[in-house]
Amino acid sequence: MTRLSRDLAGPCLAPGGSVVAIGAFDGLHRGHQALLGEVRIRAQALDALPAVVSFEPLPRAYFSPEPISRLSSVREKLRGFAAAGMAQALLLRFGASLTAMSAEEFVRRVLVERLAAREVWVGEDFRFGHKRAGDVALLQRMGAQLGFVTRVMPPVLLDGARVSATRVRALLSAGEFAGAALLLGRPFVIEGRVERGNQLGRTLGFPTANIHLRGRVSPVHGIFAVRVGLGEAPCAWPGVASLGLRPTVNQVEQPVLEVFLFDFEGDLYGRRMAVEFVAKLRDERKFDGLEALTVQMHEDARQARELLGMNPRLAEA
């Protein structure tokens, strides 16, 4: 169980001292997992609290003039912290007040006063504070004065290249889901609660479960073969999914994830669903009417069944 705090100010969250990891942690890929693993081990050795400091929104998204895709939602990130054994998460609100804070003030207020840090773990290129003035050298100097040790996590390499969120995003965008899964340490999944749509898919023979991304920018778009998990169940139910703007009919302003589960009967409204992306079938495109769209949907279903090891002829039944 991970305790969560969003507040910069407040009483010390770790009176007995802590070992702290700092980062954005989008996607919690294998590099992040290695870092949090070291924090957990060192916290146990020092009889201290394993803790993590992260930021929402993501700093790079806050500063970017263009939308930045995300690998994980806040909910998924927090669940990842718990799975990694972090007892305390300080999820700071990244905005004007935090960006104006000097690196020195961040160290004193967050690491020393709020978390009583005994060790601080960061990546080798970690920068922080106003105008990114803080770095590993500053942490080391201030740690020597204030009673904590700075540890630098070397990059985790796979196929000779550094594991990074940027690399994962590029693989997902290209439809390379197996490669992305190797970097993530698990398949790429989007989770959400099923909401009621306009039920057009039902009239076309493809009733879909709809998940709205709520402003989250996805690194994947198009039509996919997927596996779905309902509630806490693993992603095992086969299906075909669309993630996009529905350009042929009822175009929307924000992308919607629409999932058709093969051979499923039942009501999914209000249930939580996890969608694992297995293979990309094609890009989203606009069709000349519902008839052409329906023909393509049957072909998409046939291909998805085949890719998922099912009988593709059942898509025509």
Protein backbone atom coordinates (compact mmCIF):
# COMPACT_ATOMS: atom_id res chain seq x y z
CA MET A 1 0.00 0.00 0.00
CA THR A 2 1.42 3.37 -1.04
CA ARG A 3 0.44 6.49 0.88
CA LEU A 4 -0.17 9.43 -1.45
CA SER A 5 0.38 13.12 -0.81
CA ARG A 6 -0.04 15.95 -3.32
CA ASP A 7 1.06 18.82 -1.05
CA LEU A 8 4.39 20.59 -1.16
CA ALA A 9 3.95 21.87 2.40
CA GLY A 10 3.06 19.87 5.48
CA PRO A 11 4.54 17.74 8.24
CA CYS A 12 7.38 15.34 7.58
CA LEU A 13 6.11 12.23 5.81
CA ALA A 14 9.01 10.05 6.95
CA PRO A 15 10.03 10.90 10.53
CA GLY A 16 12.41 7.94 10.57
CA GLY A 17 14.09 8.98 7.32
CA SER A 18 13.57 7.89 3.74
CA VAL A 19 15.29 6.71 0.60
CA VAL A 20 13.86 8.73 -2.28
CA ALA A 21 13.62 8.30 -6.05
CA ILE A 22 12.78 11.38 -8.15
CA GLY A 23 11.44 11.39 -11.70
CA ALA A 24 8.50 11.70 -14.06
CA PHE A 25 8.10 7.90 -14.26
CA ASP A 26 5.78 7.89 -17.28
CA GLY A 27 5.13 4.27 -18.20
CA LEU A 28 7.29 2.87 -15.38
CA HIS A 29 9.51 1.09 -17.89
CA ARG A 30 12.37 -1.25 -17.04
CA GLY A 31 14.74 1.64 -16.30
CA HIS A 32 12.27 3.08 -13.79
CA GLN A 33 11.70 -0.36 -12.31
CA ALA A 34 15.44 -0.84 -11.77
CA LEU A 35 15.69 2.55 -10.03
CA LEU A 36 12.76 1.85 -7.71
CA GLY A 37 14.17 -1.59 -7.00
CA GLU A 38 17.41 -0.04 -5.76
CA VAL A 39 15.45 2.39 -3.59
CA ARG A 40 13.50 -0.46 -2.02
CA ILE A 41 16.66 -2.44 -1.29
CA ARG A 42 18.50 0.54 0.22
CA ALA A 43 15.49 1.56 2.31
CA GLN A 44 15.34 -1.93 3.78
CA ALA A 45 19.08 -1.88 4.54
CA LEU A 46 18.80 1.52 6.26
CA ASP A 47 15.49 0.76 7.99
CA ALA A 48 14.07 3.80 6.19
CA LEU A 49 10.91 4.52 4.21
CA PRO A 50 11.05 3.80 0.45
CA ALA A 51 9.60 6.91 -1.21
CA VAL A 52 9.14 8.42 -4.64
CA VAL A 53 8.71 12.02 -5.78
CA SER A 54 6.96 12.56 -9.10
CA PHE A 55 5.01 15.26 -10.89
CA GLU A 56 1.60 15.80 -12.50
CA PRO A 57 1.21 17.01 -15.13
CA LEU A 58 4.45 15.67 -16.56
CA PRO A 59 7.06 18.48 -16.72
CA ARG A 60 7.75 17.98 -20.43
CA ALA A 61 4.01 18.17 -21.15
CA TYR A 62 3.67 21.34 -19.07
CA PHE A 63 6.36 23.15 -21.07
CA SER A 64 5.54 21.75 -24.51
CA PRO A 65 3.44 23.88 -26.91
CA GLU A 66 2.26 20.63 -28.52
CA PRO A 67 0.36 17.77 -26.84
CA ILE A 68 2.69 15.09 -25.44
CA SER A 69 1.58 11.46 -25.48
CA ARG A 70 1.52 9.51 -22.24
CA LEU A 71 2.39 5.89 -21.57
CA SER A 72 0.41 5.65 -18.34
CA SER A 73 -2.38 7.43 -16.54
CA VAL A 74 -1.94 8.79 -13.02
CA ARG A 75 -3.90 5.82 -11.68
CA GLU A 76 -1.63 3.37 -13.51
CA LYS A 77 1.50 5.17 -12.31
CA LEU A 78 0.41 5.06 -8.68
CA ARG A 79 -0.41 1.37 -8.97
CA GLY A 80 3.08 0.85 -10.37
CA PHE A 81 4.62 2.61 -7.37
CA ALA A 82 2.71 0.27 -5.07
CA ALA A 83 3.85 -2.79 -7.04
CA ALA A 84 7.46 -1.57 -6.76
CA GLY A 85 7.16 -1.41 -2.97
CA MET A 86 7.10 2.36 -2.51
CA ALA A 87 5.56 3.16 0.88
CA GLN A 88 5.17 6.89 0.16
CA ALA A 89 4.47 8.81 -3.05
CA LEU A 90 4.73 12.60 -3.13
CA LEU A 91 2.99 13.52 -6.37
CA LEU A 92 3.64 17.24 -6.70
CA ARG A 93 1.41 19.52 -8.75
CA PHE A 94 3.65 20.78 -11.55
CA GLY A 95 2.70 24.38 -12.24
CA ALA A 96 3.85 27.97 -11.97
CA SER A 97 4.77 27.87 -8.27
CA LEU A 98 6.86 24.73 -8.59
CA THR A 99 8.64 25.87 -11.76
CA ALA A 100 9.57 29.15 -10.01
CA MET A 101 11.14 27.30 -7.09
CA SER A 102 14.93 27.27 -7.05
CA ALA A 103 16.75 23.96 -6.98
CA GLU A 104 18.12 24.75 -3.52
CA GLU A 105 14.66 25.45 -2.13
CA PHE A 106 13.35 22.22 -3.65
CA VAL A 107 16.06 20.26 -1.87
CA ARG A 108 15.34 21.87 1.49
CA ARG A 109 11.54 21.86 1.36
CA VAL A 110 10.87 18.56 -0.40
CA LEU A 111 13.81 16.26 0.23
CA VAL A 112 14.84 17.42 3.70
CA GLU A 113 11.77 18.88 5.41
CA ARG A 114 9.03 16.79 3.77
CA LEU A 115 10.84 13.46 3.38
CA ALA A 116 13.86 13.53 5.73
CA ALA A 117 15.89 11.97 2.91
CA ARG A 118 18.88 9.84 3.82
CA GLU A 119 19.55 8.80 0.23
CA VAL A 120 18.32 10.38 -3.00
CA TRP A 121 18.31 8.33 -6.22
CA VAL A 122 18.12 9.94 -9.67
CA GLY A 123 19.09 9.26 -13.26
CA GLU A 124 22.40 10.60 -14.55
CA ASP A 125 20.75 13.36 -16.63
CA PHE A 126 18.36 14.51 -13.90
CA ARG A 127 17.70 18.28 -13.83
CA PHE A 128 15.35 20.20 -11.55
CA GLY A 129 14.45 23.59 -10.11
CA HIS A 130 13.92 26.97 -11.74
CA LYS A 131 15.32 26.99 -15.28
CA ARG A 132 16.59 23.42 -14.64
CA ALA A 133 19.51 24.83 -12.68
CA GLY A 134 19.72 21.84 -10.35
CA ASP A 135 21.69 18.74 -11.25
CA VAL A 136 23.47 15.78 -9.68
CA ALA A 137 26.43 17.93 -8.61
CA LEU A 138 24.14 20.30 -6.71
CA LEU A 139 22.42 17.38 -5.00
CA GLN A 140 25.78 16.00 -3.95
CA ARG A 141 26.96 19.35 -2.54
CA MET A 142 23.75 20.01 -0.63
CA GLY A 143 23.52 16.43 0.55
CA ALA A 144 26.95 16.72 2.15
CA GLN A 145 25.66 19.76 4.08
CA LEU A 146 22.17 18.51 4.91
CA GLY A 147 22.77 14.85 5.69
CA PHE A 148 21.81 12.80 2.65
CA VAL A 149 23.74 10.86 0.03
CA THR A 150 23.02 11.18 -3.69
CA ARG A 151 23.05 8.00 -5.76
CA VAL A 152 23.04 8.03 -9.56
CA MET A 153 21.34 5.16 -11.36
CA PRO A 154 23.18 4.17 -14.53
CA PRO A 155 20.99 3.78 -17.63
CA VAL A 156 19.42 0.39 -18.30
CA LEU A 157 20.37 -0.80 -21.78
CA LEU A 158 18.51 -3.10 -24.12
CA ASP A 159 20.03 -4.05 -27.46
CA GLY A 160 22.80 -1.56 -26.74
CA ALA A 161 20.45 1.43 -26.39
CA ARG A 162 19.08 3.15 -23.31
CA VAL A 163 15.60 2.22 -22.16
CA SER A 164 13.58 5.44 -22.13
CA ALA A 165 10.00 6.65 -22.36
CA THR A 166 10.86 8.40 -25.63
CA ARG A 167 12.03 5.13 -27.14
CA VAL A 168 8.89 3.34 -25.95
CA ARG A 169 6.66 6.04 -27.46
CA ALA A 170 8.42 5.74 -30.80
CA LEU A 171 7.94 1.97 -30.90
CA LEU A 172 4.26 2.23 -29.99
CA SER A 173 3.66 4.92 -32.59
CA ALA A 174 5.18 2.59 -35.20
CA GLY A 175 2.98 -0.31 -34.08
CA GLU A 176 5.96 -2.24 -32.70
CA PHE A 177 4.13 -3.58 -29.66
CA ALA A 178 6.44 -6.52 -28.99
CA GLY A 179 9.47 -4.22 -28.93
CA ALA A 180 7.71 -1.74 -26.65
CA ALA A 181 6.74 -4.56 -24.29
CA LEU A 182 10.40 -5.55 -23.94
CA LEU A 183 11.26 -2.02 -22.80
CA LEU A 184 8.22 -1.70 -20.55
CA GLY A 185 8.64 -5.15 -19.04
CA ARG A 186 4.97 -5.82 -19.85
CA PRO A 187 2.51 -5.26 -22.72
CA PHE A 188 1.23 -1.73 -23.39
CA VAL A 189 -2.25 -1.27 -21.91
CA ILE A 190 -4.80 1.54 -21.76
CA GLU A 191 -7.30 1.36 -18.91
CA GLY A 192 -10.56 3.14 -18.26
CA ARG A 193 -14.21 2.87 -17.36
CA VAL A 194 -16.70 1.91 -20.06
CA GLU A 195 -19.12 4.71 -20.88
CA ARG A 196 -22.32 4.78 -22.88
CA GLY A 197 -21.89 5.93 -26.49
CA ASN A 198 -24.29 6.64 -29.35
CA GLN A 199 -24.67 2.87 -29.95
CA LEU A 200 -24.06 3.17 -33.70
CA GLY A 201 -21.76 0.15 -33.59
CA ARG A 202 -24.64 -1.98 -32.31
CA THR A 203 -26.72 -1.15 -35.38
CA LEU A 204 -23.79 -2.17 -37.61
CA GLY A 205 -23.34 -5.51 -35.84
CA PHE A 206 -20.34 -4.40 -33.79
CA PRO A 207 -21.46 -3.20 -30.32
CA THR A 208 -18.46 -1.50 -28.77
CA ALA A 209 -17.35 -0.63 -25.27
CA ASN A 210 -16.21 3.00 -25.24
CA ILE A 211 -13.44 4.48 -23.11
CA HIS A 212 -12.89 8.25 -23.20
CA LEU A 213 -9.27 9.30 -22.64
CA ARG A 214 -10.17 12.52 -20.77
CA GLY A 215 -7.49 14.66 -22.40
CA ARG A 216 -4.79 12.01 -22.17
CA VAL A 217 -2.83 11.91 -25.42
CA SER A 218 -2.27 8.35 -26.60
CA PRO A 219 0.91 7.28 -28.44
CA VAL A 220 -1.18 4.91 -30.59
CA HIS A 221 -3.95 5.65 -33.09
CA GLY A 222 -5.75 3.43 -35.57
CA ILE A 223 -7.34 -0.01 -35.65
CA PHE A 224 -5.89 -2.87 -33.58
CA ALA A 225 -6.14 -6.48 -32.55
CA VAL A 226 -6.42 -6.40 -28.76
CA ARG A 227 -6.86 -8.51 -25.64
CA VAL A 228 -9.07 -7.20 -22.88
CA GLY A 229 -9.22 -7.60 -19.13
CA LEU A 230 -12.42 -6.80 -17.23
CA GLY A 231 -12.11 -5.59 -13.66
CA GLU A 232 -9.08 -7.26 -12.10
CA ALA A 233 -8.96 -10.08 -14.66
CA PRO A 234 -5.87 -10.42 -16.90
CA CYS A 235 -6.01 -9.24 -20.50
CA ALA A 236 -7.19 -12.42 -22.18
CA TRP A 237 -10.50 -11.71 -23.96
CA PRO A 238 -9.86 -11.22 -27.71
CA GLY A 239 -11.20 -8.27 -29.60
CA VAL A 240 -10.70 -5.54 -32.16
CA ALA A 241 -10.40 -1.87 -31.23
CA SER A 242 -10.39 1.58 -32.76
CA LEU A 243 -8.65 4.54 -31.17
CA GLY A 244 -9.35 7.79 -32.97
CA LEU A 245 -11.82 10.48 -33.91
CA ARG A 246 -14.43 8.41 -35.84
CA PRO A 247 -14.13 10.49 -39.05
CA THR A 248 -16.84 8.66 -41.03
CA VAL A 249 -19.78 9.30 -38.67
CA ASN A 250 -20.22 11.34 -35.50
CA GLN A 251 -16.65 12.65 -35.52
CA VAL A 252 -15.46 13.63 -32.04
CA GLU A 253 -12.95 16.25 -30.91
CA GLN A 254 -11.12 13.99 -28.43
CA PRO A 255 -9.97 10.45 -29.33
CA VAL A 256 -12.16 7.60 -28.11
CA LEU A 257 -11.10 4.00 -27.57
CA GLU A 258 -13.86 1.71 -28.91
CA VAL A 259 -13.52 -2.02 -28.30
CA PHE A 260 -15.52 -4.89 -29.79
CA LEU A 261 -15.10 -8.10 -27.79
CA PHE A 262 -15.46 -11.26 -29.84
CA ASP A 263 -18.25 -13.65 -28.78
CA PHE A 264 -19.09 -11.62 -25.68
CA GLU A 265 -22.56 -11.23 -24.24
CA GLY A 266 -23.33 -8.96 -21.32
CA ASP A 267 -23.48 -5.38 -20.12
CA LEU A 268 -20.12 -3.60 -19.80
CA TYR A 269 -21.34 -0.10 -18.92
CA GLY A 270 -19.61 1.26 -15.84
CA ARG A 271 -17.04 -1.55 -15.64
CA ARG A 272 -13.31 -0.96 -15.66
CA MET A 273 -11.53 -2.36 -18.68
CA ALA A 274 -7.87 -2.84 -19.54
CA VAL A 275 -7.04 -3.01 -23.26
CA GLU A 276 -3.77 -4.64 -24.31
CA PHE A 277 -2.62 -3.71 -27.83
CA VAL A 278 -1.37 -6.75 -29.72
CA ALA A 279 -1.04 -5.66 -33.37
CA LYS A 280 -1.94 -2.69 -35.53
CA LEU A 281 -4.22 -3.49 -38.45
CA ARG A 282 -4.39 -0.12 -40.20
CA ASP A 283 -4.66 3.64 -39.75
CA GLU A 284 -8.02 5.28 -39.17
CA ARG A 285 -9.57 6.76 -42.32
CA LYS A 286 -12.82 8.25 -43.57
CA PHE A 287 -15.13 6.00 -45.62
CA ASP A 288 -17.79 6.92 -48.17
CA GLY A 289 -20.75 6.00 -45.99
CA LEU A 290 -21.81 3.30 -43.54
CA GLU A 291 -21.84 0.46 -46.07
CA ALA A 292 -18.15 0.84 -46.90
CA LEU A 293 -17.33 1.26 -43.22
CA THR A 294 -19.20 -1.91 -42.28
CA VAL A 295 -17.39 -3.94 -44.97
CA GLN A 296 -14.07 -2.75 -43.59
CA MET A 297 -15.11 -3.51 -40.01
CA HIS A 298 -15.79 -7.13 -40.98
CA GLU A 299 -12.36 -7.32 -42.60
CA ASP A 300 -10.75 -5.79 -39.50
CA ALA A 301 -12.49 -8.39 -37.32
CA ARG A 302 -11.35 -11.21 -39.59
CA GLN A 303 -7.73 -10.05 -39.46
CA ALA A 304 -7.83 -9.54 -35.70
CA ARG A 305 -9.22 -13.04 -35.12
CA GLU A 306 -6.46 -14.50 -37.25
CA LEU A 307 -3.72 -12.55 -35.47
CA LEU A 308 -5.12 -13.59 -32.08
CA GLY A 309 -5.16 -17.26 -33.02
CA MET A 310 -8.92 -17.54 -33.51
CA ASN A 311 -10.94 -18.86 -36.44
CA PRO A 312 -11.22 -15.88 -38.83
CA ARG A 313 -14.29 -17.39 -40.50
CA LEU A 314 -16.31 -16.75 -37.35
CA ALA A 315 -16.12 -13.05 -38.14
CA GLU A 316 -18.37 -13.70 -41.14
CA ALA A 317 -20.97 -15.73 -39.25
